[in-house]
Each structure stands twice: as C-alpha cells, then as structure tokens.
C-alpha cells in the first residue's frame, strides 16, 4: 500500500492530503520519516540503517566463517595464550554462534543487539591490543574464516590491521548510539498534526 506525502520543507511539516495517512501513523505508533533540518533529512535518516546493516553483515559473515571450521578457529584462539584448556574449544564454538545471533538481531534492530555487538568489538580490540603488546606473531587473527593467509603476515602485522579495522567497527557502533539519541530531530505523527 503506497502512501503519498507532500512534504513542505520550508514549513517543516507534512501536508496531509490523504486521511489514510493518519490511520497508518497512529495504530502502529509509526514515526514519520521527516527531519526538522531540511531536505537532506531523509538522506540522513537512511545512514543509520546502512551502518546498522553493514555491522550486522560483518558479524554474521565472521561468525559463519568460523563455524565452517571450528577446530581451526580453536587453534587460533589457543595462539593468543589467554585461555587455559579446554576453554579455547568452548570459545571456538560459542563465540561464532553469539556473533551470528547478535548480527541477525541487529538486522531487525532487536533491543540489546547493538550493545552485544559493541561489547564484542571492544573485547576483540582488547585481545588484539594484548597480543600486540605481548609481541605475539600470530599470522591469522581469527577475525573471519580461519585458513591460509598470504605470505608475509606471520610477523604480527595482521594483528595491527585487525585492531584498526575493529576500531572502525567501534566507530560505527558509537555512531548508531549517537544517532539513536538524536531522534529528537524526527517529528512524530502527532507533532506534525499539531503544526498543521
């Protein structure tokens, strides 16, 4: 069902031309996709969605890749020398499942999914920082599917690359938190009606 909105940006409200629109707003509590900051508002409202789906895709891809070869991922976890036996095998099974579930939940914006993704990102950065500081020369950081890597990464340089990549993911998480707190720029259907 298509609803046609005639938007007047200079007056910052929707021109309700169809009674059906009012019916669509209130039963679902839907918030009108309209920003108070002008014609670029609709474009800006899509950016959090793009970032959220990108983060979800990264975590789903990473989790599925690890689940494809749990034994290889367990060997990578052991190389960090943080967990005693038999915890690396348990982590190698549970962590990818958590990544996939959290990523899938983030696709649908389930409450708590962004917190889980942010927590895992901070955890991964902490583990990588520890490995770099300890001078570990791990070729495969275990971030995605375990397997053979190109030559020349056995010097630990992959850990630094992975750390900065995770820093980029963390920035995406922080942006989503910020954009969630900036929803005061979005006018609800009731606010729009009051301005008419």
C-alpha atoms as a PDB file:
ATOM      1  CA  UNK A   1       0.000   0.000   0.000  1.00  0.00           C
ATOM      2  CA  UNK A   2       1.505   3.287  -1.063  1.00  0.00           C
ATOM      3  CA  UNK A   3       1.026   6.481   0.877  1.00  0.00           C
ATOM      4  CA  UNK A   4       1.779   9.745  -0.865  1.00  0.00           C
ATOM      5  CA  UNK A   5       3.213  12.507   1.253  1.00  0.00           C
ATOM      6  CA  UNK A   6       3.565  16.035   0.091  1.00  0.00           C
ATOM      7  CA  UNK A   7       6.433  17.481   2.112  1.00  0.00           C
ATOM      8  CA  UNK A   8       6.855  21.198   2.707  1.00  0.00           C
ATOM      9  CA  UNK A   9      10.422  21.608   3.923  1.00  0.00           C
ATOM     10  CA  UNK A  10      10.248  25.358   4.372  1.00  0.00           C
ATOM     11  CA  UNK A  11       7.313  24.956   6.792  1.00  0.00           C
ATOM     12  CA  UNK A  12       8.714  21.782   8.404  1.00  0.00           C
ATOM     13  CA  UNK A  13       5.562  19.676   8.307  1.00  0.00           C
ATOM     14  CA  UNK A  14       3.720  17.210   6.128  1.00  0.00           C
ATOM     15  CA  UNK A  15       0.726  18.324   4.161  1.00  0.00           C
ATOM     16  CA  UNK A  16      -1.795  15.619   4.964  1.00  0.00           C
ATOM     17  CA  UNK A  17      -3.797  15.128   1.797  1.00  0.00           C
ATOM     18  CA  UNK A  18      -4.933  11.595   2.483  1.00  0.00           C
ATOM     19  CA  UNK A  19      -6.948  10.551   5.570  1.00  0.00           C
ATOM     20  CA  UNK A  20      -5.423   7.078   5.241  1.00  0.00           C
ATOM     21  CA  UNK A  21      -2.076   8.505   6.311  1.00  0.00           C
ATOM     22  CA  UNK A  22      -3.410   9.431   9.738  1.00  0.00           C
ATOM     23  CA  UNK A  23      -4.755   5.913  10.164  1.00  0.00           C
ATOM     24  CA  UNK A  24      -1.346   4.487   9.272  1.00  0.00           C
ATOM     25  CA  UNK A  25       0.508   6.634  11.803  1.00  0.00           C
ATOM     26  CA  UNK A  26      -1.360   6.028  14.989  1.00  0.00           C
ATOM     27  CA  UNK A  27      -2.186   2.292  15.235  1.00  0.00           C
ATOM     28  CA  UNK A  28       1.458   1.313  14.870  1.00  0.00           C
ATOM     29  CA  UNK A  29       2.970   4.321  16.614  1.00  0.00           C
ATOM     30  CA  UNK A  30       4.964   4.849  13.450  1.00  0.00           C
ATOM     31  CA  UNK A  31       7.269   7.834  13.370  1.00  0.00           C
ATOM     32  CA  UNK A  32       7.162   9.870  10.217  1.00  0.00           C
ATOM     33  CA  UNK A  33      10.438   9.846   8.344  1.00  0.00           C
ATOM     34  CA  UNK A  34      10.900  13.535   8.311  1.00  0.00           C
ATOM     35  CA  UNK A  35      13.731  15.538   9.762  1.00  0.00           C
ATOM     36  CA  UNK A  36      13.406  19.057  11.032  1.00  0.00           C
ATOM     37  CA  UNK A  37      16.709  20.004   9.437  1.00  0.00           C
ATOM     38  CA  UNK A  38      15.625  20.402   5.823  1.00  0.00           C
ATOM     39  CA  UNK A  39      15.585  18.410   2.586  1.00  0.00           C
ATOM     40  CA  UNK A  40      18.685  16.371   3.471  1.00  0.00           C
ATOM     41  CA  UNK A  41      16.856  14.889   6.431  1.00  0.00           C
ATOM     42  CA  UNK A  42      15.559  11.847   4.561  1.00  0.00           C
ATOM     43  CA  UNK A  43      19.038  11.053   3.264  1.00  0.00           C
ATOM     44  CA  UNK A  44      20.498  11.357   6.763  1.00  0.00           C
ATOM     45  CA  UNK A  45      17.784   9.127   8.163  1.00  0.00           C
ATOM     46  CA  UNK A  46      18.996   6.292   5.922  1.00  0.00           C
ATOM     47  CA  UNK A  47      22.614   6.434   7.120  1.00  0.00           C
ATOM     48  CA  UNK A  48      21.993   4.730  10.500  1.00  0.00           C
ATOM     49  CA  UNK A  49      20.170   1.944   8.665  1.00  0.00           C
ATOM     50  CA  UNK A  50      23.092   1.458   6.271  1.00  0.00           C
ATOM     51  CA  UNK A  51      25.622   1.435   9.128  1.00  0.00           C
ATOM     52  CA  UNK A  52      23.498  -0.979  11.169  1.00  0.00           C
ATOM     53  CA  UNK A  53      23.111  -3.426   8.282  1.00  0.00           C
ATOM     54  CA  UNK A  54      26.822  -3.192   7.461  1.00  0.00           C
ATOM     55  CA  UNK A  55      27.787  -4.012  11.056  1.00  0.00           C
ATOM     56  CA  UNK A  56      25.307  -6.879  11.104  1.00  0.00           C
ATOM     57  CA  UNK A  57      26.686  -8.269   7.836  1.00  0.00           C
ATOM     58  CA  UNK A  58      30.277  -8.168   9.151  1.00  0.00           C
ATOM     59  CA  UNK A  59      29.386 -10.099  12.293  1.00  0.00           C
ATOM     60  CA  UNK A  60      27.190 -12.633  10.524  1.00  0.00           C
ATOM     61  CA  UNK A  61      29.908 -13.238   7.917  1.00  0.00           C
ATOM     62  CA  UNK A  62      32.593 -13.553  10.607  1.00  0.00           C
ATOM     63  CA  UNK A  63      30.532 -15.956  12.700  1.00  0.00           C
ATOM     64  CA  UNK A  64      29.520 -18.190   9.816  1.00  0.00           C
ATOM     65  CA  UNK A  65      33.131 -18.327   8.599  1.00  0.00           C
ATOM     66  CA  UNK A  66      34.331 -19.531  11.995  1.00  0.00           C
ATOM     67  CA  UNK A  67      31.546 -22.093  12.272  1.00  0.00           C
ATOM     68  CA  UNK A  68      32.691 -23.595   8.982  1.00  0.00           C
ATOM     69  CA  UNK A  69      35.931 -24.739  10.675  1.00  0.00           C
ATOM     70  CA  UNK A  70      35.603 -24.721  14.450  1.00  0.00           C
ATOM     71  CA  UNK A  71      38.766 -26.759  15.025  1.00  0.00           C
ATOM     72  CA  UNK A  72      40.907 -24.306  13.073  1.00  0.00           C
ATOM     73  CA  UNK A  73      39.378 -21.381  14.974  1.00  0.00           C
ATOM     74  CA  UNK A  74      40.084 -23.171  18.283  1.00  0.00           C
ATOM     75  CA  UNK A  75      43.760 -23.398  17.289  1.00  0.00           C
ATOM     76  CA  UNK A  76      43.766 -19.642  16.561  1.00  0.00           C
ATOM     77  CA  UNK A  77      42.240 -18.929  19.995  1.00  0.00           C
ATOM     78  CA  UNK A  78      44.986 -21.044  21.604  1.00  0.00           C
ATOM     79  CA  UNK A  79      47.677 -18.953  19.906  1.00  0.00           C
ATOM     80  CA  UNK A  80      46.637 -15.905  21.930  1.00  0.00           C
ATOM     81  CA  UNK A  81      47.709 -17.765  25.113  1.00  0.00           C
ATOM     82  CA  UNK A  82      44.974 -16.197  27.219  1.00  0.00           C
ATOM     83  CA  UNK A  83      42.646 -19.096  27.972  1.00  0.00           C
ATOM     84  CA  UNK A  84      43.592 -22.382  29.652  1.00  0.00           C
ATOM     85  CA  UNK A  85      42.462 -25.725  28.270  1.00  0.00           C
ATOM     86  CA  UNK A  86      39.720 -26.690  27.465  1.00  0.00           C
ATOM     87  CA  UNK A  87      38.294 -23.163  27.151  1.00  0.00           C
ATOM     88  CA  UNK A  88      39.633 -22.412  23.625  1.00  0.00           C
ATOM     89  CA  UNK A  89      37.481 -25.200  22.171  1.00  0.00           C
ATOM     90  CA  UNK A  90      34.421 -23.927  24.044  1.00  0.00           C
ATOM     91  CA  UNK A  91      35.037 -20.328  22.940  1.00  0.00           C
ATOM     92  CA  UNK A  92      35.549 -21.511  19.362  1.00  0.00           C
ATOM     93  CA  UNK A  93      32.040 -22.972  19.425  1.00  0.00           C
ATOM     94  CA  UNK A  94      30.141 -20.353  21.425  1.00  0.00           C
ATOM     95  CA  UNK A  95      31.672 -17.112  20.114  1.00  0.00           C
ATOM     96  CA  UNK A  96      30.726 -17.634  16.437  1.00  0.00           C
ATOM     97  CA  UNK A  97      27.176 -18.517  17.458  1.00  0.00           C
ATOM     98  CA  UNK A  98      26.931 -15.324  19.508  1.00  0.00           C
ATOM     99  CA  UNK A  99      28.287 -13.325  16.557  1.00  0.00           C
ATOM    100  CA  UNK A 100      25.700 -14.760  14.168  1.00  0.00           C
ATOM    101  CA  UNK A 101      22.787 -14.325  16.591  1.00  0.00           C
ATOM    102  CA  UNK A 102      23.816 -10.766  17.530  1.00  0.00           C
ATOM    103  CA  UNK A 103      24.318  -9.858  13.860  1.00  0.00           C
ATOM    104  CA  UNK A 104      20.921 -11.261  12.884  1.00  0.00           C
ATOM    105  CA  UNK A 105      19.303  -9.438  15.806  1.00  0.00           C
ATOM    106  CA  UNK A 106      20.962  -6.199  14.725  1.00  0.00           C
ATOM    107  CA  UNK A 107      19.422  -6.567  11.254  1.00  0.00           C
ATOM    108  CA  UNK A 108      15.996  -6.337  12.908  1.00  0.00           C
ATOM    109  CA  UNK A 109      17.192  -3.752  15.453  1.00  0.00           C
ATOM    110  CA  UNK A 110      16.376  -6.027  18.394  1.00  0.00           C
ATOM    111  CA  UNK A 111      16.879  -4.367  21.759  1.00  0.00           C
ATOM    112  CA  UNK A 112      20.315  -5.200  23.167  1.00  0.00           C
ATOM    113  CA  UNK A 113      21.812  -6.315  19.850  1.00  0.00           C
ATOM    114  CA  UNK A 114      23.859  -3.140  19.414  1.00  0.00           C
ATOM    115  CA  UNK A 115      25.142  -3.492  22.985  1.00  0.00           C
ATOM    116  CA  UNK A 116      26.220  -7.074  22.234  1.00  0.00           C
ATOM    117  CA  UNK A 117      27.989  -6.048  19.020  1.00  0.00           C
ATOM    118  CA  UNK A 118      29.705  -3.127  20.770  1.00  0.00           C
ATOM    119  CA  UNK A 119      30.786  -5.345  23.660  1.00  0.00           C
ATOM    120  CA  UNK A 120      32.276  -7.956  21.348  1.00  0.00           C
ATOM    121  CA  UNK A 121      34.081  -5.278  19.343  1.00  0.00           C
ATOM    122  CA  UNK A 122      35.646  -3.820  22.495  1.00  0.00           C
ATOM    123  CA  UNK A 123      36.565  -7.347  23.649  1.00  0.00           C
ATOM    124  CA  UNK A 124      38.228  -8.155  20.314  1.00  0.00           C
ATOM    125  CA  UNK A 125      40.169  -4.885  20.399  1.00  0.00           C
ATOM    126  CA  UNK A 126      41.342  -5.673  23.922  1.00  0.00           C
ATOM    127  CA  UNK A 127      42.550  -9.138  22.913  1.00  0.00           C
ATOM    128  CA  UNK A 128      44.324  -7.749  19.853  1.00  0.00           C
ATOM    129  CA  UNK A 129      45.936  -4.963  21.920  1.00  0.00           C
ATOM    130  CA  UNK A 130      47.168  -7.586  24.392  1.00  0.00           C
ATOM    131  CA  UNK A 131      48.629  -9.712  21.592  1.00  0.00           C
ATOM    132  CA  UNK A 132      50.372  -6.706  20.024  1.00  0.00           C
ATOM    133  CA  UNK A 133      51.785  -5.554  23.379  1.00  0.00           C
ATOM    134  CA  UNK A 134      52.964  -9.101  24.167  1.00  0.00           C
ATOM    135  CA  UNK A 135      54.757  -9.262  20.821  1.00  0.00           C
ATOM    136  CA  UNK A 136      52.834 -12.307  19.628  1.00  0.00           C
ATOM    137  CA  UNK A 137      53.424 -13.115  15.959  1.00  0.00           C
ATOM    138  CA  UNK A 138      50.046 -14.551  15.092  1.00  0.00           C
ATOM    139  CA  UNK A 139      49.501 -14.757  11.355  1.00  0.00           C
ATOM    140  CA  UNK A 140      45.755 -15.369  11.448  1.00  0.00           C
ATOM    141  CA  UNK A 141      43.918 -13.057  13.854  1.00  0.00           C
ATOM    142  CA  UNK A 142      40.856 -15.318  13.779  1.00  0.00           C
ATOM    143  CA  UNK A 143      38.575 -12.426  12.926  1.00  0.00           C
ATOM    144  CA  UNK A 144      36.956 -14.165   9.988  1.00  0.00           C
ATOM    145  CA  UNK A 145      37.216 -17.623   8.472  1.00  0.00           C
ATOM    146  CA  UNK A 146      40.380 -19.364   9.697  1.00  0.00           C
ATOM    147  CA  UNK A 147      42.598 -20.509   6.881  1.00  0.00           C
ATOM    148  CA  UNK A 148      45.728 -19.850   4.936  1.00  0.00           C
ATOM    149  CA  UNK A 149      46.785 -16.252   4.606  1.00  0.00           C
ATOM    150  CA  UNK A 150      49.149 -14.608   2.132  1.00  0.00           C
ATOM    151  CA  UNK A 151      52.854 -14.793   2.925  1.00  0.00           C
ATOM    152  CA  UNK A 152      54.408 -12.029   4.980  1.00  0.00           C
ATOM    153  CA  UNK A 153      51.769 -11.721   7.701  1.00  0.00           C
ATOM    154  CA  UNK A 154      53.442 -14.059  10.212  1.00  0.00           C
ATOM    155  CA  UNK A 155      55.249 -11.075  11.742  1.00  0.00           C
ATOM    156  CA  UNK A 156      52.159  -9.940  13.663  1.00  0.00           C
ATOM    157  CA  UNK A 157      51.257  -7.161  11.234  1.00  0.00           C
ATOM    158  CA  UNK A 158      47.851  -8.787  10.732  1.00  0.00           C
ATOM    159  CA  UNK A 159      47.053  -8.061  14.379  1.00  0.00           C
ATOM    160  CA  UNK A 160      47.557  -4.334  13.885  1.00  0.00           C
ATOM    161  CA  UNK A 161      45.447  -4.358  10.735  1.00  0.00           C
ATOM    162  CA  UNK A 162      42.683  -6.207  12.585  1.00  0.00           C
ATOM    163  CA  UNK A 163      42.895  -3.768  15.519  1.00  0.00           C
ATOM    164  CA  UNK A 164      42.342  -0.727  13.286  1.00  0.00           C
ATOM    165  CA  UNK A 165      39.564  -2.499  11.394  1.00  0.00           C
ATOM    166  CA  UNK A 166      37.827  -3.201  14.706  1.00  0.00           C
ATOM    167  CA  UNK A 167      38.332   0.452  15.646  1.00  0.00           C
ATOM    168  CA  UNK A 168      36.353   1.334  12.525  1.00  0.00           C
ATOM    169  CA  UNK A 169      33.594  -1.072  13.589  1.00  0.00           C
ATOM    170  CA  UNK A 170      33.561   0.537  17.030  1.00  0.00           C
ATOM    171  CA  UNK A 171      33.122   3.958  15.430  1.00  0.00           C
ATOM    172  CA  UNK A 172      30.111   2.541  13.580  1.00  0.00           C
ATOM    173  CA  UNK A 173      28.661   1.313  16.881  1.00  0.00           C
ATOM    174  CA  UNK A 174      29.215   4.686  18.535  1.00  0.00           C
ATOM    175  CA  UNK A 175      27.574   6.424  15.592  1.00  0.00           C
ATOM    176  CA  UNK A 176      24.485   4.234  15.992  1.00  0.00           C
ATOM    177  CA  UNK A 177      24.315   5.112  19.696  1.00  0.00           C
ATOM    178  CA  UNK A 178      24.640   8.790  18.811  1.00  0.00           C
ATOM    179  CA  UNK A 179      22.025   8.625  16.055  1.00  0.00           C
ATOM    180  CA  UNK A 180      19.655   6.831  18.423  1.00  0.00           C
ATOM    181  CA  UNK A 181      19.969   9.693  20.900  1.00  0.00           C
ATOM    182  CA  UNK A 182      19.420  12.213  18.109  1.00  0.00           C
ATOM    183  CA  UNK A 183      15.901  11.035  17.362  1.00  0.00           C
ATOM    184  CA  UNK A 184      14.607  14.320  18.721  1.00  0.00           C
ATOM    185  CA  UNK A 185      15.117  15.569  15.161  1.00  0.00           C
ATOM    186  CA  UNK A 186      12.397  13.200  13.988  1.00  0.00           C
ATOM    187  CA  UNK A 187       8.866  14.520  14.166  1.00  0.00           C
ATOM    188  CA  UNK A 188       6.193  12.096  15.282  1.00  0.00           C
ATOM    189  CA  UNK A 189       2.831  11.967  13.531  1.00  0.00           C
ATOM    190  CA  UNK A 190       1.218  13.786  16.473  1.00  0.00           C
ATOM    191  CA  UNK A 191       3.801  16.600  16.372  1.00  0.00           C
ATOM    192  CA  UNK A 192       3.263  17.004  12.645  1.00  0.00           C
ATOM    193  CA  UNK A 193      -0.508  17.153  13.046  1.00  0.00           C
ATOM    194  CA  UNK A 194      -0.160  19.799  15.759  1.00  0.00           C
ATOM    195  CA  UNK A 195       1.750  22.047  13.385  1.00  0.00           C
ATOM    196  CA  UNK A 196      -0.954  21.859  10.716  1.00  0.00           C
END
